[in-house]
């Protein structure tokens, strides 16, 4: 069953036990972990994965199939938003510092690809 079909069934009230939500989570777990690894060093990966679950719940509540957007694309926004808010709330790094770290990592990656080291 596709993500979109699962979400439509959840939204219609066809998931009182949460089995479909569990299936949706398992189907998209690799995607969530990939997003969590972007923020490695800013927070614990397990905490980010937990926040991602809440982001997935928000996406299920707000996704509208009539807009023509794939669910996973829509959910990516909510998942990242929950992760970044969690990092910001933790107070370990400020928003400006987090952005500087990301900018530095992008520079490093580009430099390594151009110069090989």
Protein backbone atom coordinates (compact mmCIF):
# COMPACT_ATOMS: atom_id res chain seq x y z
CA UNK A 1 0.00 0.00 0.00
CA UNK A 2 1.37 3.44 -0.89
CA UNK A 3 1.93 6.25 1.60
CA UNK A 4 -0.94 8.21 0.09
CA UNK A 5 -3.38 5.29 0.46
CA UNK A 6 -2.36 4.73 4.07
CA UNK A 7 -2.75 8.41 4.94
CA UNK A 8 -6.18 8.60 3.29
CA UNK A 9 -7.33 5.59 5.32
CA UNK A 10 -5.94 7.12 8.54
CA UNK A 11 -7.65 10.43 7.81
CA UNK A 12 -10.97 8.71 7.17
CA UNK A 13 -10.83 7.20 10.65
CA UNK A 14 -9.98 3.69 9.54
CA UNK A 15 -7.08 3.25 11.98
CA UNK A 16 -8.39 3.14 15.56
CA UNK A 17 -5.54 0.93 16.79
CA UNK A 18 -2.78 2.82 15.03
CA UNK A 19 -1.72 -0.15 12.90
CA UNK A 20 -1.70 1.92 9.72
CA UNK A 21 0.34 4.64 11.41
CA UNK A 22 2.87 2.00 12.46
CA UNK A 23 2.99 0.72 8.87
CA UNK A 24 3.48 4.28 7.57
CA UNK A 25 6.28 4.83 10.08
CA UNK A 26 8.04 1.60 9.09
CA UNK A 27 7.74 2.38 5.37
CA UNK A 28 9.38 5.78 5.85
CA UNK A 29 11.87 5.03 8.60
CA UNK A 30 14.89 5.08 6.26
CA UNK A 31 13.85 8.51 4.97
CA UNK A 32 13.51 9.79 8.54
CA UNK A 33 16.93 8.45 9.53
CA UNK A 34 18.47 10.07 6.45
CA UNK A 35 17.00 13.43 7.51
CA UNK A 36 18.15 12.95 11.11
CA UNK A 37 21.73 12.37 9.98
CA UNK A 38 21.78 15.86 8.46
CA UNK A 39 21.69 17.23 11.99
CA UNK A 40 24.33 14.90 13.41
CA UNK A 41 26.34 16.65 16.07
CA UNK A 42 23.58 19.10 16.90
CA UNK A 43 21.38 16.60 18.77
CA UNK A 44 21.14 12.90 19.52
CA UNK A 45 19.96 10.95 16.50
CA UNK A 46 17.44 8.96 18.57
CA UNK A 47 15.85 12.18 19.84
CA UNK A 48 15.58 13.51 16.32
CA UNK A 49 13.95 10.29 15.12
CA UNK A 50 11.38 10.59 17.91
CA UNK A 51 10.67 14.19 16.93
CA UNK A 52 10.32 12.99 13.35
CA UNK A 53 7.47 10.72 14.40
CA UNK A 54 5.58 13.74 15.70
CA UNK A 55 6.33 15.51 12.44
CA UNK A 56 4.90 12.56 10.55
CA UNK A 57 1.74 12.76 12.69
CA UNK A 58 1.39 16.47 11.86
CA UNK A 59 1.83 15.71 8.17
CA UNK A 60 -0.90 13.05 8.32
CA UNK A 61 -3.27 15.53 9.96
CA UNK A 62 -2.66 18.32 7.45
CA UNK A 63 -1.95 16.58 4.13
CA UNK A 64 -4.56 17.14 1.44
CA UNK A 65 -4.52 14.69 -1.47
CA UNK A 66 -6.31 17.24 -3.67
CA UNK A 67 -3.17 19.44 -3.81
CA UNK A 68 -1.32 16.90 -5.94
CA UNK A 69 1.74 16.78 -3.69
CA UNK A 70 3.21 13.41 -2.78
CA UNK A 71 2.80 12.67 0.91
CA UNK A 72 6.48 12.05 1.55
CA UNK A 73 7.43 15.40 0.03
CA UNK A 74 4.87 17.09 2.26
CA UNK A 75 5.92 15.09 5.31
CA UNK A 76 9.57 16.02 4.78
CA UNK A 77 8.75 19.63 5.61
CA UNK A 78 6.99 18.71 8.86
CA UNK A 79 9.68 16.25 9.89
CA UNK A 80 12.49 18.74 9.34
CA UNK A 81 10.53 21.45 11.12
CA UNK A 82 10.08 19.26 14.19
CA UNK A 83 13.75 18.31 14.20
CA UNK A 84 15.02 21.87 13.89
CA UNK A 85 12.61 23.13 16.55
CA UNK A 86 13.83 20.40 18.86
CA UNK A 87 17.43 21.44 18.28
CA UNK A 88 16.55 25.08 18.85
CA UNK A 89 14.67 24.28 22.07
CA UNK A 90 17.56 22.24 23.42
CA UNK A 91 19.67 25.38 23.59
CA UNK A 92 22.84 23.49 22.70
CA UNK A 93 23.35 25.58 19.58
CA UNK A 94 21.67 28.76 18.48
CA UNK A 95 19.88 29.02 15.17
CA UNK A 96 22.67 31.20 13.78
CA UNK A 97 25.31 28.73 14.91
CA UNK A 98 23.40 25.82 13.38
CA UNK A 99 23.19 27.68 10.07
CA UNK A 100 26.91 28.46 10.20
CA UNK A 101 27.71 24.80 10.82
CA UNK A 102 25.56 23.74 7.87
CA UNK A 103 27.19 26.36 5.64
CA UNK A 104 30.64 25.13 6.71
CA UNK A 105 29.70 21.50 5.99
CA UNK A 106 28.45 22.43 2.50
CA UNK A 107 31.69 24.31 1.82
CA UNK A 108 33.75 21.35 3.02
CA UNK A 109 31.83 18.95 0.83
CA UNK A 110 32.22 21.15 -2.23
CA UNK A 111 35.93 21.66 -1.54
CA UNK A 112 36.53 17.93 -1.16
CA UNK A 113 34.72 17.17 -4.40
CA UNK A 114 36.70 19.79 -6.32
CA UNK A 115 40.13 19.13 -4.83
CA UNK A 116 39.86 15.47 -3.84
CA UNK A 117 41.01 16.03 -0.29
